């Protein structure tokens, strides 16, 4: 069994594999490189077999999305640590070593992410994870280095190791035994917010999630769905509500879910005012889907709370990042953390 496996989920991503797989192979000495293919119809699989025969292919029989694809693939991977790596990422020399060292030294850490910078502008952080992820009291995610659409320049301000609430699914190193113990990702999410749900479960088993600034990767971002894509909007808003219903304590859920829904509607009308009618519709559809399938979320909530009844909320931002960002103009993580001691 290998100590570390780098698992790249692929669906019709031949061009991305041609561009980015060489850096992964070059800079991942000692790790098994695995392509988990979601039943691609392009030339992805034949390209790997012909160009990189040393790379193992886990061939799935359908497109199971991000969540289902990784759940099925990781059942076929034997390694102490698995790195879930997007196909649109350029890695740097020795990128694995600092994260492996962190997990080796601290048994209480279950998952870790690197510093995520933009491939297009390598002096800036990238949306997906940046310098480590947090959520506020109403479940809105943000990162060190990126709050909503405001992205910071990398000036070394996050060259550290520290606990965070969630680690990005774009590059997530996790202990395999923890991933399997928690039954991996919630496949109803399909994609988006699933890593936050998984990390919330990690907090429920008294384990920690960390950021490692000594490891650096460059992420293209929005390689499958653009940031303003209505499908992405639908998944983010739908999954955000499911996330809260699954995890919030009962007293919190009673008042926080209605507040979250209200703020989501305000966001929907903002889309409409900007002329993004499809994104407006996506938010409405997300809410109707959530309400129509609420019994499914309630069943998962009951099962989760029965097995893992509580969680450590130390890394949850106690205020509203929406209010602080849009009304207080607090757009940099440090101005938020000073207020709530993150």
Protein backbone atom coordinates (compact mmCIF):
# COMPACT_ATOMS: atom_id res chain seq x y z
CA UNK A 1 0.00 0.00 0.00
CA UNK A 2 1.30 3.45 -0.96
CA UNK A 3 1.53 6.15 1.67
CA UNK A 4 0.10 8.79 -0.67
CA UNK A 5 -2.12 8.64 -3.75
CA UNK A 6 -2.94 11.63 -5.94
CA UNK A 7 -6.37 11.00 -7.45
CA UNK A 8 -7.55 13.20 -10.32
CA UNK A 9 -11.21 12.97 -11.27
CA UNK A 10 -11.72 13.31 -15.01
CA UNK A 11 -14.70 13.74 -17.29
CA UNK A 12 -13.94 14.61 -20.92
CA UNK A 13 -10.90 16.55 -19.78
CA UNK A 14 -8.30 15.40 -22.28
CA UNK A 15 -7.01 18.93 -22.96
CA UNK A 16 -6.63 19.67 -19.24
CA UNK A 17 -4.81 16.38 -18.67
CA UNK A 18 -2.44 17.16 -21.55
CA UNK A 19 -1.67 20.54 -20.02
CA UNK A 20 -1.49 19.81 -16.29
CA UNK A 21 -0.79 16.12 -15.71
CA UNK A 22 2.94 16.46 -16.59
CA UNK A 23 3.57 18.79 -13.61
CA UNK A 24 1.77 16.37 -11.28
CA UNK A 25 3.89 13.45 -12.46
CA UNK A 26 7.10 15.48 -12.34
CA UNK A 27 6.60 16.87 -8.83
CA UNK A 28 4.85 13.98 -7.04
CA UNK A 29 7.73 11.59 -6.55
CA UNK A 30 6.82 8.64 -4.35
CA UNK A 31 3.07 9.04 -4.77
CA UNK A 32 0.75 6.91 -6.85
CA UNK A 33 -0.91 8.95 -9.61
CA UNK A 34 -4.44 7.79 -10.39
CA UNK A 35 -6.99 9.05 -12.91
CA UNK A 36 -10.57 8.34 -11.86
CA UNK A 37 -12.57 8.58 -15.07
CA UNK A 38 -16.29 9.38 -14.94
CA UNK A 39 -17.06 7.44 -18.14
CA UNK A 40 -15.58 10.04 -20.49
CA UNK A 41 -16.56 10.01 -24.16
CA UNK A 42 -13.52 11.95 -25.43
CA UNK A 43 -9.98 10.65 -25.83
CA UNK A 44 -8.97 11.07 -22.18
CA UNK A 45 -8.48 7.42 -21.32
CA UNK A 46 -6.65 6.48 -24.51
CA UNK A 47 -4.40 9.53 -24.10
CA UNK A 48 -3.39 8.43 -20.59
CA UNK A 49 -2.79 4.85 -21.64
CA UNK A 50 -0.63 5.84 -24.57
CA UNK A 51 1.28 8.76 -23.03
CA UNK A 52 1.54 7.85 -19.35
CA UNK A 53 1.30 4.07 -18.90
CA UNK A 54 2.63 4.45 -15.33
CA UNK A 55 -0.58 6.28 -14.35
CA UNK A 56 -3.30 4.00 -13.02
CA UNK A 57 -6.82 4.46 -14.40
CA UNK A 58 -9.91 3.73 -12.33
CA UNK A 59 -12.64 3.46 -14.95
CA UNK A 60 -16.18 4.22 -13.75
CA UNK A 61 -19.25 3.11 -15.67
CA UNK A 62 -21.12 6.45 -15.57
CA UNK A 63 -20.67 10.14 -14.80
CA UNK A 64 -21.27 10.22 -11.05
CA UNK A 65 -20.27 13.84 -10.61
CA UNK A 66 -17.57 15.03 -8.25
CA UNK A 67 -19.04 13.38 -5.16
CA UNK A 68 -20.06 10.03 -6.55
CA UNK A 69 -16.97 9.78 -8.72
CA UNK A 70 -14.57 10.22 -5.84
CA UNK A 71 -16.60 8.01 -3.50
CA UNK A 72 -16.39 5.11 -5.96
CA UNK A 73 -12.80 5.73 -6.97
CA UNK A 74 -11.39 6.01 -3.45
CA UNK A 75 -12.89 2.64 -2.51
CA UNK A 76 -10.44 1.21 -5.03
CA UNK A 77 -7.40 3.12 -3.76
CA UNK A 78 -5.14 1.82 -1.01
CA UNK A 79 -3.11 4.61 0.56
CA UNK A 80 -2.69 6.27 3.95
CA UNK A 81 -3.34 9.71 2.48
CA UNK A 82 -5.36 10.56 -0.62
CA UNK A 83 -5.08 13.85 -2.46
CA UNK A 84 -8.22 14.80 -4.36
CA UNK A 85 -6.82 17.01 -7.11
CA UNK A 86 -8.69 18.90 -9.81
CA UNK A 87 -7.50 18.32 -13.35
CA UNK A 88 -6.92 22.06 -13.97
CA UNK A 89 -4.13 22.47 -11.41
CA UNK A 90 -0.41 23.05 -11.86
CA UNK A 91 1.56 21.81 -8.86
CA UNK A 92 4.97 23.01 -7.74
CA UNK A 93 8.13 21.17 -6.64
CA UNK A 94 7.77 19.39 -3.27
CA UNK A 95 4.11 20.38 -2.98
CA UNK A 96 3.19 17.14 -1.24
CA UNK A 97 5.94 17.05 1.40
CA UNK A 98 4.71 19.85 3.72
CA UNK A 99 1.17 18.46 3.82
CA UNK A 100 2.35 14.90 4.41
CA UNK A 101 4.62 16.17 7.18
CA UNK A 102 1.73 17.98 8.83
CA UNK A 103 -0.44 14.84 8.88
CA UNK A 104 2.50 12.72 10.04
CA UNK A 105 3.19 15.01 13.00
CA UNK A 106 -0.39 15.60 14.12
CA UNK A 107 -2.74 12.64 14.39
CA UNK A 108 -5.65 14.96 15.23
CA UNK A 109 -5.50 16.57 11.77
CA UNK A 110 -7.69 14.68 9.29
CA UNK A 111 -7.43 16.90 6.21
CA UNK A 112 -5.24 19.65 4.84
CA UNK A 113 -5.10 21.95 1.82
CA UNK A 114 -2.23 23.93 0.23
CA UNK A 115 -2.07 27.59 -0.70
CA UNK A 116 -4.21 27.97 -3.82
CA UNK A 117 -3.12 30.70 -6.22
CA UNK A 118 -4.58 31.67 -9.57
CA UNK A 119 -3.05 30.04 -12.63
CA UNK A 120 -3.97 33.09 -14.71
CA UNK A 121 -2.51 35.61 -12.23
CA UNK A 122 0.01 33.82 -10.07
CA UNK A 123 0.38 36.76 -7.69
CA UNK A 124 -3.23 36.43 -6.55
CA UNK A 125 -5.24 33.88 -4.65
CA UNK A 126 -7.80 31.71 -6.42
CA UNK A 127 -11.47 31.51 -5.48
CA UNK A 128 -11.53 27.80 -4.65
CA UNK A 129 -9.90 27.58 -1.24
CA UNK A 130 -7.31 30.40 -1.42
CA UNK A 131 -5.65 30.47 2.04
CA UNK A 132 -8.10 28.14 3.80
CA UNK A 133 -11.86 28.15 4.16
CA UNK A 134 -14.37 29.36 6.75
CA UNK A 135 -18.15 29.79 6.98
CA UNK A 136 -20.18 32.37 8.84
CA UNK A 137 -23.08 31.79 11.21
CA UNK A 138 -25.52 31.46 8.29
CA UNK A 139 -23.38 29.05 6.32
CA UNK A 140 -21.90 31.43 3.74
CA UNK A 141 -18.39 30.28 2.79
CA UNK A 142 -15.35 32.51 2.40
CA UNK A 143 -11.59 32.12 2.50
CA UNK A 144 -8.46 33.76 3.72
CA UNK A 145 -7.42 35.65 0.61
CA UNK A 146 -10.88 35.64 -0.98
CA UNK A 147 -14.14 36.98 0.42
CA UNK A 148 -16.98 36.79 -2.13
CA UNK A 149 -15.55 38.41 -5.28
CA UNK A 150 -12.68 40.28 -3.61
CA UNK A 151 -9.40 38.45 -4.15
CA UNK A 152 -6.19 39.42 -2.36
CA UNK A 153 -2.70 39.57 -3.78
CA UNK A 154 -0.33 37.00 -2.29
CA UNK A 155 2.14 39.03 -0.23
CA UNK A 156 3.11 36.19 2.09
CA UNK A 157 0.38 37.10 4.56
CA UNK A 158 -0.83 33.49 4.64
CA UNK A 159 2.52 31.69 4.62
CA UNK A 160 1.58 29.75 7.73
CA UNK A 161 0.07 26.55 9.06
CA UNK A 162 -3.22 26.94 10.86
CA UNK A 163 -6.57 25.39 11.56
CA UNK A 164 -9.46 26.30 9.25
CA UNK A 165 -13.08 25.21 9.00
CA UNK A 166 -12.94 23.68 5.52
CA UNK A 167 -10.35 22.72 2.96
CA UNK A 168 -10.94 23.10 -0.75
CA UNK A 169 -12.11 20.18 -2.83
CA UNK A 170 -9.83 21.44 -5.62
CA UNK A 171 -6.87 20.03 -3.69
CA UNK A 172 -7.77 18.12 -0.56
CA UNK A 173 -5.37 15.78 1.21
CA UNK A 174 -7.27 13.54 3.61
CA UNK A 175 -6.60 10.45 5.68
CA UNK A 176 -8.18 7.58 3.78
CA UNK A 177 -9.54 5.94 6.91
CA UNK A 178 -11.34 9.17 7.88
CA UNK A 179 -12.83 9.60 4.42
CA UNK A 180 -14.22 6.07 4.50
CA UNK A 181 -15.37 6.29 8.14
CA UNK A 182 -17.44 9.37 7.25
CA UNK A 183 -18.81 7.67 4.11
CA UNK A 184 -17.08 10.19 1.88
CA UNK A 185 -19.06 12.89 0.14
CA UNK A 186 -22.83 13.34 0.21
CA UNK A 187 -23.70 12.28 -3.34
CA UNK A 188 -26.93 14.28 -3.31
CA UNK A 189 -24.71 17.36 -3.51
CA UNK A 190 -23.30 16.11 -6.85
CA UNK A 191 -20.79 19.00 -6.83
CA UNK A 192 -20.15 22.24 -4.90
CA UNK A 193 -20.18 22.66 -1.09
CA UNK A 194 -19.56 18.92 -0.67
CA UNK A 195 -16.10 19.50 0.81
CA UNK A 196 -17.59 21.86 3.42
CA UNK A 197 -20.08 19.17 4.38
CA UNK A 198 -17.27 16.61 4.67
CA UNK A 199 -15.13 18.97 6.75
CA UNK A 200 -18.11 19.70 9.02
CA UNK A 201 -18.33 15.96 9.62
CA UNK A 202 -14.62 15.94 10.42
CA UNK A 203 -15.28 18.51 13.16
CA UNK A 204 -18.04 16.23 14.46
CA UNK A 205 -15.50 13.46 15.14
CA UNK A 206 -13.19 15.86 17.01
CA UNK A 207 -10.63 15.97 14.22
CA UNK A 208 -9.17 19.10 12.63
CA UNK A 209 -8.85 20.62 9.18
CA UNK A 210 -5.69 22.55 8.36
CA UNK A 211 -4.13 24.88 5.83
CA UNK A 212 -0.47 24.51 4.86
CA UNK A 213 1.08 27.62 3.30
CA UNK A 214 4.37 25.89 2.52
CA UNK A 215 2.64 23.90 -0.21
CA UNK A 216 1.64 25.89 -3.31
CA UNK A 217 -0.51 25.06 -6.32
CA UNK A 218 -1.94 27.12 -9.20
CA UNK A 219 -5.59 26.59 -10.09
CA UNK A 220 -7.32 27.64 -13.30
CA UNK A 221 -10.73 27.52 -11.59
CA UNK A 222 -14.23 27.19 -13.02
CA UNK A 223 -12.86 24.66 -15.49
CA UNK A 224 -16.16 22.78 -15.65
CA UNK A 225 -18.69 25.48 -14.78
CA UNK A 226 -17.93 29.21 -14.96
CA UNK A 227 -18.33 31.33 -11.83
CA UNK A 228 -21.54 32.90 -13.19
CA UNK A 229 -22.92 29.68 -14.66
CA UNK A 230 -26.57 29.16 -13.61
CA UNK A 231 -25.92 25.48 -12.94
CA UNK A 232 -23.18 26.44 -10.47
CA UNK A 233 -25.54 29.01 -8.89
CA UNK A 234 -28.24 26.36 -8.50
CA UNK A 235 -25.88 23.85 -6.87
CA UNK A 236 -24.33 26.39 -4.50
CA UNK A 237 -27.66 27.76 -3.25
CA UNK A 238 -29.35 24.37 -3.04
CA UNK A 239 -26.44 22.69 -1.31
CA UNK A 240 -25.95 25.62 1.06
CA UNK A 241 -29.43 25.12 2.49
CA UNK A 242 -28.98 21.35 2.74
CA UNK A 243 -25.68 21.90 4.52
CA UNK A 244 -27.31 24.03 7.21
CA UNK A 245 -30.28 21.73 7.72
CA UNK A 246 -28.00 18.73 8.10
CA UNK A 247 -25.63 20.27 10.62
CA UNK A 248 -27.17 23.11 12.62
CA UNK A 249 -28.46 22.44 16.10
CA UNK A 250 -32.25 22.58 16.33
CA UNK A 251 -32.44 25.95 18.07
CA UNK A 252 -30.05 27.44 15.50
CA UNK A 253 -31.89 25.95 12.53
CA UNK A 254 -35.22 27.44 13.62
CA UNK A 255 -34.07 31.03 13.10
CA UNK A 256 -30.99 30.73 10.92
CA UNK A 257 -32.58 28.87 8.02
CA UNK A 258 -35.29 31.55 7.47
CA UNK A 259 -32.62 34.26 7.63
CA UNK A 260 -30.50 32.39 5.12
CA UNK A 261 -33.47 31.98 2.78
CA UNK A 262 -34.23 35.71 3.04
CA UNK A 263 -30.66 36.65 2.19
CA UNK A 264 -30.68 34.19 -0.71
CA UNK A 265 -33.77 35.92 -2.11
CA UNK A 266 -32.03 39.28 -1.83
CA UNK A 267 -29.10 37.77 -3.75
CA UNK A 268 -31.55 36.46 -6.36
CA UNK A 269 -32.97 39.93 -6.97
CA UNK A 270 -29.44 41.29 -7.18
CA UNK A 271 -28.87 38.86 -10.05
CA UNK A 272 -32.06 40.16 -11.67
CA UNK A 273 -30.97 43.79 -11.32
CA UNK A 274 -27.66 42.92 -12.98
CA UNK A 275 -29.51 41.39 -15.93
CA UNK A 276 -28.59 37.82 -14.92
CA UNK A 277 -32.10 36.41 -15.17
CA UNK A 278 -30.90 32.81 -15.50
CA UNK A 279 -29.04 33.07 -12.20
CA UNK A 280 -32.15 34.60 -10.61
CA UNK A 281 -34.15 31.62 -11.80
CA UNK A 282 -31.44 29.23 -10.59
CA UNK A 283 -31.78 30.54 -7.01
CA UNK A 284 -35.57 30.13 -7.09
CA UNK A 285 -35.23 26.60 -8.50
CA UNK A 286 -32.67 25.78 -5.81
CA UNK A 287 -35.08 26.80 -3.05
CA UNK A 288 -37.99 24.85 -4.54
CA UNK A 289 -35.78 21.79 -4.92
CA UNK A 290 -34.64 22.11 -1.31
CA UNK A 291 -38.23 22.37 -0.03
CA UNK A 292 -39.49 19.51 -2.19
CA UNK A 293 -36.70 17.24 -0.96
CA UNK A 294 -36.54 18.42 2.64
CA UNK A 295 -37.54 15.03 4.04
CA UNK A 296 -34.41 13.50 2.55
CA UNK A 297 -32.25 16.12 4.28
CA UNK A 298 -34.13 15.58 7.54
CA UNK A 299 -33.40 11.84 7.38
CA UNK A 300 -29.71 12.55 6.84
CA UNK A 301 -29.78 15.11 9.67
CA UNK A 302 -31.28 12.56 12.05
CA UNK A 303 -28.73 9.88 11.13
CA UNK A 304 -25.81 12.30 11.38
CA UNK A 305 -26.82 13.66 14.77
CA UNK A 306 -27.38 10.14 16.09
CA UNK A 307 -23.86 9.03 15.13
CA UNK A 308 -22.00 12.32 15.67
CA UNK A 309 -24.26 14.46 17.91
CA UNK A 310 -22.11 17.59 18.29
CA UNK A 311 -19.30 19.54 16.66
CA UNK A 312 -16.63 22.08 17.54
CA UNK A 313 -17.72 25.50 16.24
CA UNK A 314 -14.50 27.34 17.10
CA UNK A 315 -13.69 27.91 13.41
CA UNK A 316 -17.15 29.23 12.49
CA UNK A 317 -17.35 33.01 11.99
CA UNK A 318 -19.83 34.19 14.59
CA UNK A 319 -21.08 37.19 12.64
CA UNK A 320 -22.55 37.64 9.15
CA UNK A 321 -19.94 37.82 6.41
CA UNK A 322 -22.68 39.15 4.09
CA UNK A 323 -23.36 42.12 6.39
CA UNK A 324 -19.70 42.78 7.11
CA UNK A 325 -18.70 42.59 3.43
CA UNK A 326 -21.53 44.57 1.81
CA UNK A 327 -22.37 47.07 4.55
CA UNK A 328 -19.22 47.35 6.67
CA UNK A 329 -16.95 47.02 3.61
CA UNK A 330 -14.77 44.46 5.37
CA UNK A 331 -13.36 42.75 2.30
CA UNK A 332 -10.09 41.36 3.65
CA UNK A 333 -9.92 38.34 5.94
CA UNK A 334 -7.81 40.11 8.55
CA UNK A 335 -10.53 42.71 9.12
CA UNK A 336 -13.01 39.90 9.72
CA UNK A 337 -10.76 37.83 11.96
CA UNK A 338 -9.91 40.85 14.12
CA UNK A 339 -13.59 41.20 14.88
CA UNK A 340 -14.33 37.57 15.68
CA UNK A 341 -10.92 36.15 16.64
CA UNK A 342 -10.68 33.47 14.01
